[in-house]
């Protein structure tokens, strides 16, 4: 192992041998002539297709129907008590009878006890079917969306981009980022799929706009 480690580090040192010691990130412009997307289709439709392929449930509504769509998603999963970020709009929950616990520092045991969580997102990537959270507006801390078994995520149409290169400029790498491509799932060496190991077992996405 030590031999392999030294070999890798040696290659890194060789690659950096011509870099001035006082050079800092941003000093040299990185060429970005690659394609920002691959023209695979209309972004919203493509996002829906990818998310459904990942076994997420997707609903598209206009702004006025958002509270009802959230209520339907929670009822569909028999969620009676849910958590939400402190700054999630009150109007989101105007049509649901479920009780809403605002996360003002809920203990992990309390998050584990709720039936689900409702949040917004930072950006959604159509080509990969990926939703990114950065703990920004209406998203809350990372634990809020990793502990409960159900995640209802609200995505605005103006947050949808075609490819990953279009998403990255909208994100701050200094913030904690959570990249979600469908419900949490993993497979062992025999390809036995297990869901809910390191995140929500069920993902409901409501696209509004």
C-alpha atoms as a PDB file:
ATOM      1  CA  UNK A   1       0.000   0.000   0.000  1.00  0.00           C
ATOM      2  CA  UNK A   2       2.807   2.417   0.858  1.00  0.00           C
ATOM      3  CA  UNK A   3       4.431   1.751  -2.523  1.00  0.00           C
ATOM      4  CA  UNK A   4       1.200   2.544  -4.355  1.00  0.00           C
ATOM      5  CA  UNK A   5       0.721   5.661  -2.276  1.00  0.00           C
ATOM      6  CA  UNK A   6       4.185   6.942  -3.078  1.00  0.00           C
ATOM      7  CA  UNK A   7       3.681   6.186  -6.761  1.00  0.00           C
ATOM      8  CA  UNK A   8       0.467   8.232  -6.870  1.00  0.00           C
ATOM      9  CA  UNK A   9       2.001  11.110  -4.911  1.00  0.00           C
ATOM     10  CA  UNK A  10       5.014  11.032  -7.204  1.00  0.00           C
ATOM     11  CA  UNK A  11       2.799  11.460 -10.242  1.00  0.00           C
ATOM     12  CA  UNK A  12       1.013  14.379  -8.563  1.00  0.00           C
ATOM     13  CA  UNK A  13       4.323  16.060  -7.750  1.00  0.00           C
ATOM     14  CA  UNK A  14       5.539  15.550 -11.328  1.00  0.00           C
ATOM     15  CA  UNK A  15       2.358  17.069 -12.723  1.00  0.00           C
ATOM     16  CA  UNK A  16       2.757  20.103 -10.475  1.00  0.00           C
ATOM     17  CA  UNK A  17       6.494  20.529 -10.982  1.00  0.00           C
ATOM     18  CA  UNK A  18       6.116  23.505 -13.342  1.00  0.00           C
ATOM     19  CA  UNK A  19       3.576  25.353 -11.191  1.00  0.00           C
ATOM     20  CA  UNK A  20       5.035  28.388  -9.365  1.00  0.00           C
ATOM     21  CA  UNK A  21       4.870  28.053  -5.593  1.00  0.00           C
ATOM     22  CA  UNK A  22       3.041  31.368  -5.214  1.00  0.00           C
ATOM     23  CA  UNK A  23       0.324  30.504  -7.755  1.00  0.00           C
ATOM     24  CA  UNK A  24      -3.186  30.431  -6.293  1.00  0.00           C
ATOM     25  CA  UNK A  25      -6.525  29.077  -7.562  1.00  0.00           C
ATOM     26  CA  UNK A  26      -7.964  31.568 -10.010  1.00  0.00           C
ATOM     27  CA  UNK A  27      -4.597  32.915 -11.125  1.00  0.00           C
ATOM     28  CA  UNK A  28      -4.749  30.887 -14.337  1.00  0.00           C
ATOM     29  CA  UNK A  29      -7.806  30.840 -16.546  1.00  0.00           C
ATOM     30  CA  UNK A  30      -9.064  27.319 -17.176  1.00  0.00           C
ATOM     31  CA  UNK A  31     -10.288  26.707 -20.751  1.00  0.00           C
ATOM     32  CA  UNK A  32     -13.942  25.686 -20.756  1.00  0.00           C
ATOM     33  CA  UNK A  33     -14.637  25.065 -24.416  1.00  0.00           C
ATOM     34  CA  UNK A  34     -16.601  21.894 -23.729  1.00  0.00           C
ATOM     35  CA  UNK A  35     -20.357  21.592 -24.317  1.00  0.00           C
ATOM     36  CA  UNK A  36     -22.561  22.859 -21.505  1.00  0.00           C
ATOM     37  CA  UNK A  37     -25.251  20.331 -22.463  1.00  0.00           C
ATOM     38  CA  UNK A  38     -25.908  17.604 -25.017  1.00  0.00           C
ATOM     39  CA  UNK A  39     -29.236  18.719 -26.471  1.00  0.00           C
ATOM     40  CA  UNK A  40     -31.083  15.632 -25.283  1.00  0.00           C
ATOM     41  CA  UNK A  41     -34.478  17.331 -25.162  1.00  0.00           C
ATOM     42  CA  UNK A  42     -36.646  19.972 -23.531  1.00  0.00           C
ATOM     43  CA  UNK A  43     -35.200  20.383 -19.997  1.00  0.00           C
ATOM     44  CA  UNK A  44     -38.375  20.002 -17.906  1.00  0.00           C
ATOM     45  CA  UNK A  45     -39.571  16.935 -19.779  1.00  0.00           C
ATOM     46  CA  UNK A  46     -36.086  15.441 -19.690  1.00  0.00           C
ATOM     47  CA  UNK A  47     -35.802  16.028 -15.946  1.00  0.00           C
ATOM     48  CA  UNK A  48     -39.149  14.347 -15.341  1.00  0.00           C
ATOM     49  CA  UNK A  49     -38.143  11.376 -17.507  1.00  0.00           C
ATOM     50  CA  UNK A  50     -34.847  10.937 -15.661  1.00  0.00           C
ATOM     51  CA  UNK A  51     -36.392  11.284 -12.202  1.00  0.00           C
ATOM     52  CA  UNK A  52     -39.118   8.756 -12.978  1.00  0.00           C
ATOM     53  CA  UNK A  53     -36.499   6.386 -14.363  1.00  0.00           C
ATOM     54  CA  UNK A  54     -34.806   6.652 -10.956  1.00  0.00           C
ATOM     55  CA  UNK A  55     -38.132   5.650  -9.341  1.00  0.00           C
ATOM     56  CA  UNK A  56     -38.998   9.110  -8.007  1.00  0.00           C
ATOM     57  CA  UNK A  57     -42.611  10.294  -8.181  1.00  0.00           C
ATOM     58  CA  UNK A  58     -42.929  13.574 -10.094  1.00  0.00           C
ATOM     59  CA  UNK A  59     -45.830  16.029 -10.208  1.00  0.00           C
ATOM     60  CA  UNK A  60     -45.872  19.237 -12.255  1.00  0.00           C
ATOM     61  CA  UNK A  61     -48.228  22.054 -11.229  1.00  0.00           C
ATOM     62  CA  UNK A  62     -48.639  25.799 -11.502  1.00  0.00           C
ATOM     63  CA  UNK A  63     -47.922  27.981  -8.495  1.00  0.00           C
ATOM     64  CA  UNK A  64     -51.532  28.094  -7.315  1.00  0.00           C
ATOM     65  CA  UNK A  65     -51.756  24.310  -7.120  1.00  0.00           C
ATOM     66  CA  UNK A  66     -48.508  23.824  -5.191  1.00  0.00           C
ATOM     67  CA  UNK A  67     -50.053  23.500  -1.683  1.00  0.00           C
ATOM     68  CA  UNK A  68     -52.498  20.858  -2.943  1.00  0.00           C
ATOM     69  CA  UNK A  69     -49.694  18.963  -4.695  1.00  0.00           C
ATOM     70  CA  UNK A  70     -47.626  18.896  -1.513  1.00  0.00           C
ATOM     71  CA  UNK A  71     -50.671  17.736   0.441  1.00  0.00           C
ATOM     72  CA  UNK A  72     -51.324  14.982  -2.118  1.00  0.00           C
ATOM     73  CA  UNK A  73     -47.705  13.802  -1.938  1.00  0.00           C
ATOM     74  CA  UNK A  74     -47.834  13.607   1.849  1.00  0.00           C
ATOM     75  CA  UNK A  75     -51.220  11.863   1.851  1.00  0.00           C
ATOM     76  CA  UNK A  76     -49.998   9.388  -0.765  1.00  0.00           C
ATOM     77  CA  UNK A  77     -47.222   8.375   1.634  1.00  0.00           C
ATOM     78  CA  UNK A  78     -49.444   8.527   4.769  1.00  0.00           C
ATOM     79  CA  UNK A  79     -47.253  11.266   6.231  1.00  0.00           C
ATOM     80  CA  UNK A  80     -48.962  12.830   9.241  1.00  0.00           C
ATOM     81  CA  UNK A  81     -46.014  14.654  10.785  1.00  0.00           C
ATOM     82  CA  UNK A  82     -43.312  16.267   8.665  1.00  0.00           C
ATOM     83  CA  UNK A  83     -40.256  18.443   9.175  1.00  0.00           C
ATOM     84  CA  UNK A  84     -39.438  21.562   7.179  1.00  0.00           C
ATOM     85  CA  UNK A  85     -36.717  24.224   7.065  1.00  0.00           C
ATOM     86  CA  UNK A  86     -37.411  27.255   9.265  1.00  0.00           C
ATOM     87  CA  UNK A  87     -37.765  29.479   6.185  1.00  0.00           C
ATOM     88  CA  UNK A  88     -39.962  27.197   4.075  1.00  0.00           C
ATOM     89  CA  UNK A  89     -42.990  29.253   2.910  1.00  0.00           C
ATOM     90  CA  UNK A  90     -46.010  28.840   5.170  1.00  0.00           C
ATOM     91  CA  UNK A  91     -48.207  28.652   2.075  1.00  0.00           C
ATOM     92  CA  UNK A  92     -46.656  25.341   1.078  1.00  0.00           C
ATOM     93  CA  UNK A  93     -48.538  23.668   3.921  1.00  0.00           C
ATOM     94  CA  UNK A  94     -51.883  25.438   3.564  1.00  0.00           C
ATOM     95  CA  UNK A  95     -53.687  22.373   2.175  1.00  0.00           C
ATOM     96  CA  UNK A  96     -52.246  19.557   4.278  1.00  0.00           C
ATOM     97  CA  UNK A  97     -53.607  18.328   7.618  1.00  0.00           C
ATOM     98  CA  UNK A  98     -50.147  17.021   8.504  1.00  0.00           C
ATOM     99  CA  UNK A  99     -48.399  18.736  11.392  1.00  0.00           C
ATOM    100  CA  UNK A 100     -45.234  20.595  10.448  1.00  0.00           C
ATOM    101  CA  UNK A 101     -42.192  20.685  12.737  1.00  0.00           C
ATOM    102  CA  UNK A 102     -39.871  23.536  11.824  1.00  0.00           C
ATOM    103  CA  UNK A 103     -36.240  22.495  12.118  1.00  0.00           C
ATOM    104  CA  UNK A 104     -34.827  24.939  14.632  1.00  0.00           C
ATOM    105  CA  UNK A 105     -32.256  22.419  15.804  1.00  0.00           C
ATOM    106  CA  UNK A 106     -34.290  19.231  16.033  1.00  0.00           C
ATOM    107  CA  UNK A 107     -32.370  16.294  17.451  1.00  0.00           C
ATOM    108  CA  UNK A 108     -31.542  13.430  15.106  1.00  0.00           C
ATOM    109  CA  UNK A 109     -33.999  11.257  17.048  1.00  0.00           C
ATOM    110  CA  UNK A 110     -36.722  13.835  16.368  1.00  0.00           C
ATOM    111  CA  UNK A 111     -35.902  13.881  12.642  1.00  0.00           C
ATOM    112  CA  UNK A 112     -36.013  10.098  12.616  1.00  0.00           C
ATOM    113  CA  UNK A 113     -39.472  10.205  14.205  1.00  0.00           C
ATOM    114  CA  UNK A 114     -41.151  12.350  11.525  1.00  0.00           C
ATOM    115  CA  UNK A 115     -42.797  10.767   8.481  1.00  0.00           C
ATOM    116  CA  UNK A 116     -41.013  12.962   5.977  1.00  0.00           C
ATOM    117  CA  UNK A 117     -39.504  16.327   5.109  1.00  0.00           C
ATOM    118  CA  UNK A 118     -40.520  19.062   2.649  1.00  0.00           C
ATOM    119  CA  UNK A 119     -37.845  21.350   1.175  1.00  0.00           C
ATOM    120  CA  UNK A 120     -36.905  23.385  -1.857  1.00  0.00           C
ATOM    121  CA  UNK A 121     -33.652  23.013  -3.804  1.00  0.00           C
ATOM    122  CA  UNK A 122     -30.805  25.050  -5.306  1.00  0.00           C
ATOM    123  CA  UNK A 123     -30.793  23.680  -8.847  1.00  0.00           C
ATOM    124  CA  UNK A 124     -31.980  20.650 -10.830  1.00  0.00           C
ATOM    125  CA  UNK A 125     -30.051  19.073 -13.714  1.00  0.00           C
ATOM    126  CA  UNK A 126     -32.195  17.625 -16.482  1.00  0.00           C
ATOM    127  CA  UNK A 127     -29.650  15.423 -18.253  1.00  0.00           C
ATOM    128  CA  UNK A 128     -28.660  13.541 -15.116  1.00  0.00           C
ATOM    129  CA  UNK A 129     -31.966  13.748 -13.242  1.00  0.00           C
ATOM    130  CA  UNK A 130     -30.120  15.311 -10.318  1.00  0.00           C
ATOM    131  CA  UNK A 131     -31.431  17.727  -7.696  1.00  0.00           C
ATOM    132  CA  UNK A 132     -28.846  19.715  -5.748  1.00  0.00           C
ATOM    133  CA  UNK A 133     -29.344  21.192  -2.279  1.00  0.00           C
ATOM    134  CA  UNK A 134     -26.881  23.691  -0.814  1.00  0.00           C
ATOM    135  CA  UNK A 135     -28.525  24.484   2.566  1.00  0.00           C
ATOM    136  CA  UNK A 136     -29.817  27.734   1.053  1.00  0.00           C
ATOM    137  CA  UNK A 137     -33.333  29.182   0.978  1.00  0.00           C
ATOM    138  CA  UNK A 138     -36.066  26.704   1.999  1.00  0.00           C
ATOM    139  CA  UNK A 139     -33.582  23.807   2.106  1.00  0.00           C
ATOM    140  CA  UNK A 140     -32.349  23.577   5.688  1.00  0.00           C
ATOM    141  CA  UNK A 141     -29.298  21.709   6.931  1.00  0.00           C
ATOM    142  CA  UNK A 142     -28.090  18.461   5.361  1.00  0.00           C
ATOM    143  CA  UNK A 143     -29.371  16.215   8.164  1.00  0.00           C
ATOM    144  CA  UNK A 144     -32.902  17.452   7.531  1.00  0.00           C
ATOM    145  CA  UNK A 145     -33.037  15.694   4.147  1.00  0.00           C
ATOM    146  CA  UNK A 146     -30.863  12.683   4.975  1.00  0.00           C
ATOM    147  CA  UNK A 147     -32.589  11.283   8.062  1.00  0.00           C
ATOM    148  CA  UNK A 148     -36.363  11.162   7.280  1.00  0.00           C
ATOM    149  CA  UNK A 149     -37.563   8.311   5.058  1.00  0.00           C
ATOM    150  CA  UNK A 150     -39.580  10.558   2.715  1.00  0.00           C
ATOM    151  CA  UNK A 151     -38.382  13.699   0.946  1.00  0.00           C
ATOM    152  CA  UNK A 152     -40.843  15.964  -0.852  1.00  0.00           C
ATOM    153  CA  UNK A 153     -38.771  18.411  -2.890  1.00  0.00           C
ATOM    154  CA  UNK A 154     -40.152  21.528  -4.550  1.00  0.00           C
ATOM    155  CA  UNK A 155     -38.348  22.493  -7.773  1.00  0.00           C
ATOM    156  CA  UNK A 156     -39.123  25.732  -9.604  1.00  0.00           C
ATOM    157  CA  UNK A 157     -38.876  25.634 -13.386  1.00  0.00           C
ATOM    158  CA  UNK A 158     -36.357  28.492 -13.316  1.00  0.00           C
ATOM    159  CA  UNK A 159     -34.077  26.250 -11.252  1.00  0.00           C
ATOM    160  CA  UNK A 160     -33.864  23.601 -13.986  1.00  0.00           C
ATOM    161  CA  UNK A 161     -30.803  23.548 -16.257  1.00  0.00           C
ATOM    162  CA  UNK A 162     -29.849  21.114 -18.997  1.00  0.00           C
ATOM    163  CA  UNK A 163     -26.344  19.973 -18.009  1.00  0.00           C
ATOM    164  CA  UNK A 164     -23.937  19.847 -15.086  1.00  0.00           C
ATOM    165  CA  UNK A 165     -21.708  22.649 -16.506  1.00  0.00           C
ATOM    166  CA  UNK A 166     -24.733  24.968 -16.371  1.00  0.00           C
ATOM    167  CA  UNK A 167     -25.469  24.002 -12.768  1.00  0.00           C
ATOM    168  CA  UNK A 168     -22.003  24.530 -11.308  1.00  0.00           C
ATOM    169  CA  UNK A 169     -21.900  28.352 -11.671  1.00  0.00           C
ATOM    170  CA  UNK A 170     -25.090  28.508  -9.578  1.00  0.00           C
ATOM    171  CA  UNK A 171     -23.430  26.658  -6.699  1.00  0.00           C
ATOM    172  CA  UNK A 172     -20.894  27.789  -4.122  1.00  0.00           C
ATOM    173  CA  UNK A 173     -18.309  25.008  -3.534  1.00  0.00           C
ATOM    174  CA  UNK A 174     -17.782  26.336  -0.013  1.00  0.00           C
ATOM    175  CA  UNK A 175     -21.331  25.341   0.930  1.00  0.00           C
ATOM    176  CA  UNK A 176     -22.302  21.769   1.878  1.00  0.00           C
ATOM    177  CA  UNK A 177     -23.826  20.283  -1.278  1.00  0.00           C
ATOM    178  CA  UNK A 178     -26.182  17.314  -1.463  1.00  0.00           C
ATOM    179  CA  UNK A 179     -26.657  15.786  -4.930  1.00  0.00           C
ATOM    180  CA  UNK A 180     -29.804  13.678  -5.232  1.00  0.00           C
ATOM    181  CA  UNK A 181     -30.450  11.385  -8.189  1.00  0.00           C
ATOM    182  CA  UNK A 182     -33.603   9.530  -7.171  1.00  0.00           C
ATOM    183  CA  UNK A 183     -34.362   7.819  -3.861  1.00  0.00           C
ATOM    184  CA  UNK A 184     -31.408   6.600  -1.817  1.00  0.00           C
ATOM    185  CA  UNK A 185     -30.282   3.180  -3.038  1.00  0.00           C
ATOM    186  CA  UNK A 186     -27.219   0.978  -3.103  1.00  0.00           C
ATOM    187  CA  UNK A 187     -26.306  -2.518  -4.299  1.00  0.00           C
ATOM    188  CA  UNK A 188     -23.924  -5.117  -2.910  1.00  0.00           C
ATOM    189  CA  UNK A 189     -21.492  -7.207  -4.936  1.00  0.00           C
ATOM    190  CA  UNK A 190     -24.346  -9.494  -5.986  1.00  0.00           C
ATOM    191  CA  UNK A 191     -26.347  -6.464  -7.219  1.00  0.00           C
ATOM    192  CA  UNK A 192     -29.057  -6.844  -4.579  1.00  0.00           C
ATOM    193  CA  UNK A 193     -30.635  -3.377  -4.400  1.00  0.00           C
ATOM    194  CA  UNK A 194     -31.313  -1.885  -0.976  1.00  0.00           C
ATOM    195  CA  UNK A 195     -33.144   1.427  -0.623  1.00  0.00           C
ATOM    196  CA  UNK A 196     -32.992   3.980   2.165  1.00  0.00           C
ATOM    197  CA  UNK A 197     -29.483   3.168   3.397  1.00  0.00           C
ATOM    198  CA  UNK A 198     -27.975   6.650   3.270  1.00  0.00           C
ATOM    199  CA  UNK A 199     -30.941   8.916   2.647  1.00  0.00           C
ATOM    200  CA  UNK A 200     -34.698   8.938   1.989  1.00  0.00           C
ATOM    201  CA  UNK A 201     -36.217   5.716   0.694  1.00  0.00           C
ATOM    202  CA  UNK A 202     -38.905   7.701  -1.124  1.00  0.00           C
ATOM    203  CA  UNK A 203     -38.512  10.862  -3.236  1.00  0.00           C
ATOM    204  CA  UNK A 204     -41.483  12.970  -4.328  1.00  0.00           C
ATOM    205  CA  UNK A 205     -40.645  15.884  -6.611  1.00  0.00           C
ATOM    206  CA  UNK A 206     -43.098  18.715  -7.233  1.00  0.00           C
ATOM    207  CA  UNK A 207     -42.101  20.891 -10.202  1.00  0.00           C
ATOM    208  CA  UNK A 208     -43.834  24.255 -10.029  1.00  0.00           C
ATOM    209  CA  UNK A 209     -44.161  26.787 -12.813  1.00  0.00           C
END
